[in-house]
Amino acid sequence: MNSLSLLLTLVAISAIALAACAGSPQPLVPDASGPYAGIPAAGGDGMTAEANPVAPTGDDRLDSFLADFAASVDRHDWYAVARAMEPSGFAEQREMIETERADGAAAQVIGETLGLGALVDYTGGRPWKTLNTIEVITLRSVTSNTPGIVGGEPSYTIDGDVRTASGETLPLRFTLVTRDGNYVIQVPLG
C-alpha cells in the first residue's frame, strides 16, 4: 500500500468516525458550580425505562416527561433528576440545607422532593450511595389537580414506588407543575 492509499484510508476512517459521533446525543455535563454542583450524572446510553404501568394520560408531553424521569432514576442520573425539578425551588432548598449541613444537601432535596427522604443516608459522607440502591421505579398513578374556586395552579400528583437492592419497596410521591410551558417537579419549600 503506498502512502497516498494509506492517507486516503485514514481520511475515510476519520470521516466515518466523525459522522458517527455527530449523530450521537452528547451526555449532559454537570455544572461545576451553582445549585447543581457535585450531583452525579450518568451517560445517556444507560438502560431506558418507560413510565409504565401508568395509564397513558392523553398528554404525550406529560407521558414523555414521566418516561424520561423514570429512566433517569433507573440510571441513577441524579443530575437529570435535579434538572427536572423546578430550578428556583431546587436552588432555594439546597441553599437553605447547606447552611445547616453542606454534605448531602442536593441528595436531601432530591430525596425529600420525591418522598424518599428516609432513603438518603447523610452519615459517612456518601449521601448518593443510598439513593443508588434504587433498582426499579414504578409510576402507578397520575392524578390531575385542578384549582378550585379560590384559585391556585393546576398540578399533577404522581404516585408510585421504588424497590431497593435490599428488596425493600418504598412509596414515591411528587407533584408536577408547569413553568414556561414545561413540566417540572415541584420542590416543597421549607
C-alpha atoms as a PDB file:
ATOM      1  CA  MET A   1       0.000   0.000   0.000  1.00  0.00           C
ATOM      2  CA  ASN A   2       1.523   3.294  -0.995  1.00  0.00           C
ATOM      3  CA  SER A   3       1.455   6.404   1.187  1.00  0.00           C
ATOM      4  CA  LEU A   4      -1.347   8.043  -0.823  1.00  0.00           C
ATOM      5  CA  SER A   5      -3.595   4.995  -0.372  1.00  0.00           C
ATOM      6  CA  LEU A   6      -2.785   4.889   3.328  1.00  0.00           C
ATOM      7  CA  LEU A   7      -3.563   8.595   3.689  1.00  0.00           C
ATOM      8  CA  LEU A   8      -6.901   8.216   1.861  1.00  0.00           C
ATOM      9  CA  THR A   9      -7.815   5.220   4.033  1.00  0.00           C
ATOM     10  CA  LEU A  10      -7.063   7.180   7.225  1.00  0.00           C
ATOM     11  CA  VAL A  11      -9.089  10.160   5.993  1.00  0.00           C
ATOM     12  CA  ALA A  12     -12.042   7.887   5.166  1.00  0.00           C
ATOM     13  CA  ILE A  13     -11.917   6.202   8.588  1.00  0.00           C
ATOM     14  CA  SER A  14     -11.720   9.599  10.320  1.00  0.00           C
ATOM     15  CA  ALA A  15     -14.689  10.901   8.321  1.00  0.00           C
ATOM     16  CA  ILE A  16     -16.797   7.857   9.229  1.00  0.00           C
ATOM     17  CA  ALA A  17     -15.885   8.166  12.927  1.00  0.00           C
ATOM     18  CA  LEU A  18     -16.659  11.886  12.923  1.00  0.00           C
ATOM     19  CA  ALA A  19     -20.017  11.321  11.219  1.00  0.00           C
ATOM     20  CA  ALA A  20     -20.935   8.638  13.773  1.00  0.00           C
ATOM     21  CA  CYS A  21     -20.138  10.973  16.655  1.00  0.00           C
ATOM     22  CA  ALA A  22     -22.048  13.888  15.158  1.00  0.00           C
ATOM     23  CA  GLY A  23     -25.322  11.952  15.196  1.00  0.00           C
ATOM     24  CA  SER A  24     -24.931  10.649  18.739  1.00  0.00           C
ATOM     25  CA  PRO A  25     -26.514  12.631  21.566  1.00  0.00           C
ATOM     26  CA  GLN A  26     -23.904  14.147  23.817  1.00  0.00           C
ATOM     27  CA  PRO A  27     -24.252  13.417  27.543  1.00  0.00           C
ATOM     28  CA  LEU A  28     -25.285  16.275  29.774  1.00  0.00           C
ATOM     29  CA  VAL A  29     -22.243  17.676  31.561  1.00  0.00           C
ATOM     30  CA  PRO A  30     -22.905  18.514  35.215  1.00  0.00           C
ATOM     31  CA  ASP A  31     -22.354  22.072  36.332  1.00  0.00           C
ATOM     32  CA  ALA A  32     -19.142  22.670  38.229  1.00  0.00           C
ATOM     33  CA  SER A  33     -20.784  25.377  40.329  1.00  0.00           C
ATOM     34  CA  GLY A  34     -24.217  26.621  41.232  1.00  0.00           C
ATOM     35  CA  PRO A  35     -27.185  24.649  42.560  1.00  0.00           C
ATOM     36  CA  TYR A  36     -26.360  21.528  40.513  1.00  0.00           C
ATOM     37  CA  ALA A  37     -22.686  21.308  41.503  1.00  0.00           C
ATOM     38  CA  GLY A  38     -21.454  17.908  42.581  1.00  0.00           C
ATOM     39  CA  ILE A  39     -24.562  15.992  41.561  1.00  0.00           C
ATOM     40  CA  PRO A  40     -23.666  12.681  39.889  1.00  0.00           C
ATOM     41  CA  ALA A  41     -24.720  12.220  36.267  1.00  0.00           C
ATOM     42  CA  ALA A  42     -24.993   9.102  34.150  1.00  0.00           C
ATOM     43  CA  GLY A  43     -24.410   8.729  30.443  1.00  0.00           C
ATOM     44  CA  GLY A  44     -27.415   8.875  28.163  1.00  0.00           C
ATOM     45  CA  ASP A  45     -26.853   5.386  26.837  1.00  0.00           C
ATOM     46  CA  GLY A  46     -27.870   3.550  30.000  1.00  0.00           C
ATOM     47  CA  MET A  47     -30.998   1.481  30.355  1.00  0.00           C
ATOM     48  CA  THR A  48     -34.211   3.004  29.103  1.00  0.00           C
ATOM     49  CA  ALA A  49     -37.266   2.965  31.325  1.00  0.00           C
ATOM     50  CA  GLU A  50     -40.858   3.518  30.454  1.00  0.00           C
ATOM     51  CA  ALA A  51     -43.402   5.263  32.624  1.00  0.00           C
ATOM     52  CA  ASN A  52     -45.399   2.060  32.941  1.00  0.00           C
ATOM     53  CA  PRO A  53     -47.783   0.802  34.179  1.00  0.00           C
ATOM     54  CA  VAL A  54     -49.148   4.333  34.371  1.00  0.00           C
ATOM     55  CA  ALA A  55     -52.155   4.548  32.096  1.00  0.00           C
ATOM     56  CA  PRO A  56     -51.478   6.997  29.293  1.00  0.00           C
ATOM     57  CA  THR A  57     -52.562  10.440  30.389  1.00  0.00           C
ATOM     58  CA  GLY A  58     -53.567  11.559  26.908  1.00  0.00           C
ATOM     59  CA  ASP A  59     -50.814  14.167  27.039  1.00  0.00           C
ATOM     60  CA  ASP A  60     -47.828  12.985  25.000  1.00  0.00           C
ATOM     61  CA  ARG A  61     -45.559  15.620  26.569  1.00  0.00           C
ATOM     62  CA  LEU A  62     -46.518  14.532  30.090  1.00  0.00           C
ATOM     63  CA  ASP A  63     -46.039  10.844  29.244  1.00  0.00           C
ATOM     64  CA  SER A  64     -42.638  11.640  27.709  1.00  0.00           C
ATOM     65  CA  PHE A  65     -41.599  13.665  30.774  1.00  0.00           C
ATOM     66  CA  LEU A  66     -42.546  10.797  33.083  1.00  0.00           C
ATOM     67  CA  ALA A  67     -40.706   8.236  30.931  1.00  0.00           C
ATOM     68  CA  ASP A  68     -37.572  10.410  30.891  1.00  0.00           C
ATOM     69  CA  PHE A  69     -37.799  10.917  34.654  1.00  0.00           C
ATOM     70  CA  ALA A  70     -38.189   7.166  35.294  1.00  0.00           C
ATOM     71  CA  ALA A  71     -35.223   6.416  33.015  1.00  0.00           C
ATOM     72  CA  SER A  72     -33.099   8.966  34.905  1.00  0.00           C
ATOM     73  CA  VAL A  73     -33.922   7.348  38.252  1.00  0.00           C
ATOM     74  CA  ASP A  74     -33.214   3.869  36.837  1.00  0.00           C
ATOM     75  CA  ARG A  75     -29.794   5.049  35.563  1.00  0.00           C
ATOM     76  CA  HIS A  76     -29.077   6.844  38.867  1.00  0.00           C
ATOM     77  CA  ASP A  77     -28.674  10.034  36.860  1.00  0.00           C
ATOM     78  CA  TRP A  78     -29.346  12.348  39.782  1.00  0.00           C
ATOM     79  CA  TYR A  79     -28.199  15.351  37.775  1.00  0.00           C
ATOM     80  CA  ALA A  80     -31.001  14.763  35.240  1.00  0.00           C
ATOM     81  CA  VAL A  81     -33.470  14.216  38.101  1.00  0.00           C
ATOM     82  CA  ALA A  82     -32.399  17.505  39.718  1.00  0.00           C
ATOM     83  CA  ARG A  83     -32.680  19.322  36.360  1.00  0.00           C
ATOM     84  CA  ALA A  84     -36.264  18.005  36.039  1.00  0.00           C
ATOM     85  CA  MET A  85     -37.119  19.905  39.221  1.00  0.00           C
ATOM     86  CA  GLU A  86     -38.270  23.481  39.465  1.00  0.00           C
ATOM     87  CA  PRO A  87     -34.948  25.396  39.198  1.00  0.00           C
ATOM     88  CA  SER A  88     -35.681  28.177  41.686  1.00  0.00           C
ATOM     89  CA  GLY A  89     -37.144  25.789  44.261  1.00  0.00           C
ATOM     90  CA  PHE A  90     -34.219  23.373  43.941  1.00  0.00           C
ATOM     91  CA  ALA A  91     -31.666  26.167  44.351  1.00  0.00           C
ATOM     92  CA  GLU A  92     -33.507  27.704  47.326  1.00  0.00           C
ATOM     93  CA  GLN A  93     -33.900  24.390  49.183  1.00  0.00           C
ATOM     94  CA  ARG A  94     -30.303  23.333  48.570  1.00  0.00           C
ATOM     95  CA  GLU A  95     -29.002  26.682  49.790  1.00  0.00           C
ATOM     96  CA  MET A  96     -31.172  26.503  52.915  1.00  0.00           C
ATOM     97  CA  ILE A  97     -29.997  22.981  53.767  1.00  0.00           C
ATOM     98  CA  GLU A  98     -26.349  23.850  53.092  1.00  0.00           C
ATOM     99  CA  THR A  99     -26.461  26.494  55.824  1.00  0.00           C
ATOM    100  CA  GLU A 100     -27.002  23.622  58.269  1.00  0.00           C
ATOM    101  CA  ARG A 101     -25.005  20.843  56.569  1.00  0.00           C
ATOM    102  CA  ALA A 102     -23.036  21.136  53.336  1.00  0.00           C
ATOM    103  CA  ASP A 103     -22.621  17.425  52.720  1.00  0.00           C
ATOM    104  CA  GLY A 104     -25.611  15.797  51.070  1.00  0.00           C
ATOM    105  CA  ALA A 105     -27.811  18.863  50.629  1.00  0.00           C
ATOM    106  CA  ALA A 106     -28.586  18.103  46.975  1.00  0.00           C
ATOM    107  CA  ALA A 107     -29.307  14.449  47.742  1.00  0.00           C
ATOM    108  CA  GLN A 108     -31.616  15.535  50.548  1.00  0.00           C
ATOM    109  CA  VAL A 109     -33.551  17.896  48.253  1.00  0.00           C
ATOM    110  CA  ILE A 110     -33.991  15.128  45.676  1.00  0.00           C
ATOM    111  CA  GLY A 111     -34.968  12.535  48.294  1.00  0.00           C
ATOM    112  CA  GLU A 112     -37.457  14.763  50.079  1.00  0.00           C
ATOM    113  CA  THR A 113     -38.987  16.101  46.860  1.00  0.00           C
ATOM    114  CA  LEU A 114     -39.708  12.541  45.722  1.00  0.00           C
ATOM    115  CA  GLY A 115     -40.995  11.431  49.118  1.00  0.00           C
ATOM    116  CA  LEU A 116     -37.868   9.321  49.648  1.00  0.00           C
ATOM    117  CA  GLY A 117     -36.168  11.439  52.309  1.00  0.00           C
ATOM    118  CA  ALA A 118     -35.791   8.454  54.642  1.00  0.00           C
ATOM    119  CA  LEU A 119     -33.746   6.646  51.976  1.00  0.00           C
ATOM    120  CA  VAL A 120     -30.969   9.266  51.950  1.00  0.00           C
ATOM    121  CA  ASP A 121     -28.208   8.485  54.466  1.00  0.00           C
ATOM    122  CA  TYR A 122     -26.151  11.526  55.407  1.00  0.00           C
ATOM    123  CA  THR A 123     -23.650   9.666  57.577  1.00  0.00           C
ATOM    124  CA  GLY A 124     -20.247   8.722  56.265  1.00  0.00           C
ATOM    125  CA  GLY A 125     -20.167  11.457  53.621  1.00  0.00           C
ATOM    126  CA  ARG A 126     -21.806   9.328  50.923  1.00  0.00           C
ATOM    127  CA  PRO A 127     -25.420  10.503  50.562  1.00  0.00           C
ATOM    128  CA  TRP A 128     -25.700   9.281  46.954  1.00  0.00           C
ATOM    129  CA  LYS A 129     -24.857   5.711  47.942  1.00  0.00           C
ATOM    130  CA  THR A 130     -28.296   5.022  49.406  1.00  0.00           C
ATOM    131  CA  LEU A 131     -30.151   6.671  46.514  1.00  0.00           C
ATOM    132  CA  ASN A 132     -28.117   4.432  44.218  1.00  0.00           C
ATOM    133  CA  THR A 133     -29.647   1.370  45.895  1.00  0.00           C
ATOM    134  CA  ILE A 134     -32.834   2.045  43.902  1.00  0.00           C
ATOM    135  CA  GLU A 135     -33.182  -0.763  41.387  1.00  0.00           C
ATOM    136  CA  VAL A 136     -36.663  -0.231  39.967  1.00  0.00           C
ATOM    137  CA  ILE A 137     -39.069   2.679  39.885  1.00  0.00           C
ATOM    138  CA  THR A 138     -42.739   2.126  39.134  1.00  0.00           C
ATOM    139  CA  LEU A 139     -45.069   5.036  38.486  1.00  0.00           C
ATOM    140  CA  ARG A 140     -48.562   3.829  39.362  1.00  0.00           C
ATOM    141  CA  SER A 141     -50.920   6.783  39.062  1.00  0.00           C
ATOM    142  CA  VAL A 142     -51.160  10.331  37.794  1.00  0.00           C
ATOM    143  CA  THR A 143     -53.844  12.468  39.413  1.00  0.00           C
ATOM    144  CA  SER A 144     -54.785  15.812  37.904  1.00  0.00           C
ATOM    145  CA  ASN A 145     -55.377  18.524  40.492  1.00  0.00           C
ATOM    146  CA  THR A 146     -57.399  21.416  39.134  1.00  0.00           C
ATOM    147  CA  PRO A 147     -57.599  24.671  41.044  1.00  0.00           C
ATOM    148  CA  GLY A 148     -60.810  25.246  42.904  1.00  0.00           C
ATOM    149  CA  ILE A 149     -62.871  28.367  43.238  1.00  0.00           C
ATOM    150  CA  VAL A 150     -60.158  30.062  45.317  1.00  0.00           C
ATOM    151  CA  GLY A 151     -57.592  29.678  42.546  1.00  0.00           C
ATOM    152  CA  GLY A 152     -54.143  28.218  42.561  1.00  0.00           C
ATOM    153  CA  GLU A 153     -52.293  26.443  39.833  1.00  0.00           C
ATOM    154  CA  PRO A 154     -53.125  23.136  38.201  1.00  0.00           C
ATOM    155  CA  SER A 155     -50.801  20.281  39.072  1.00  0.00           C
ATOM    156  CA  TYR A 156     -50.386  16.530  38.878  1.00  0.00           C
ATOM    157  CA  THR A 157     -49.686  14.203  41.785  1.00  0.00           C
ATOM    158  CA  ILE A 158     -47.571  11.216  40.774  1.00  0.00           C
ATOM    159  CA  ASP A 159     -47.661   8.118  42.992  1.00  0.00           C
ATOM    160  CA  GLY A 160     -45.564   5.018  42.700  1.00  0.00           C
ATOM    161  CA  ASP A 161     -42.808   3.165  44.454  1.00  0.00           C
ATOM    162  CA  VAL A 162     -39.165   2.193  44.242  1.00  0.00           C
ATOM    163  CA  ARG A 163     -37.586  -1.146  45.007  1.00  0.00           C
ATOM    164  CA  THR A 164     -34.115  -1.079  46.529  1.00  0.00           C
ATOM    165  CA  ALA A 165     -31.247  -3.558  46.284  1.00  0.00           C
ATOM    166  CA  SER A 166     -32.253  -4.963  49.676  1.00  0.00           C
ATOM    167  CA  GLY A 167     -35.702  -5.856  48.293  1.00  0.00           C
ATOM    168  CA  GLU A 168     -37.453  -3.112  50.250  1.00  0.00           C
ATOM    169  CA  THR A 169     -40.298  -1.271  48.483  1.00  0.00           C
ATOM    170  CA  LEU A 170     -40.741   2.387  49.374  1.00  0.00           C
ATOM    171  CA  PRO A 171     -43.553   4.730  48.349  1.00  0.00           C
ATOM    172  CA  LEU A 172     -42.776   7.539  45.917  1.00  0.00           C
ATOM    173  CA  ARG A 173     -44.844  10.699  45.572  1.00  0.00           C
ATOM    174  CA  PHE A 174     -44.182  14.018  43.893  1.00  0.00           C
ATOM    175  CA  THR A 175     -46.035  16.898  42.276  1.00  0.00           C
ATOM    176  CA  LEU A 176     -45.661  18.223  38.730  1.00  0.00           C
ATOM    177  CA  VAL A 177     -46.447  21.781  37.717  1.00  0.00           C
ATOM    178  CA  THR A 178     -45.793  23.742  34.544  1.00  0.00           C
ATOM    179  CA  ARG A 179     -43.296  26.562  34.250  1.00  0.00           C
ATOM    180  CA  ASP A 180     -42.943  28.417  30.963  1.00  0.00           C
ATOM    181  CA  GLY A 181     -44.963  25.667  29.274  1.00  0.00           C
ATOM    182  CA  ASN A 182     -42.715  22.837  30.523  1.00  0.00           C
ATOM    183  CA  TYR A 183     -43.396  20.200  33.160  1.00  0.00           C
ATOM    184  CA  VAL A 184     -41.216  20.402  36.252  1.00  0.00           C
ATOM    185  CA  ILE A 185     -41.211  18.595  39.573  1.00  0.00           C
ATOM    186  CA  GLN A 186     -42.318  20.962  42.302  1.00  0.00           C
ATOM    187  CA  VAL A 187     -39.817  21.251  45.147  1.00  0.00           C
ATOM    188  CA  PRO A 188     -41.526  21.660  48.543  1.00  0.00           C
ATOM    189  CA  LEU A 189     -40.098  24.687  50.297  1.00  0.00           C
ATOM    190  CA  GLY A 190     -39.396  24.951  53.984  1.00  0.00           C
END
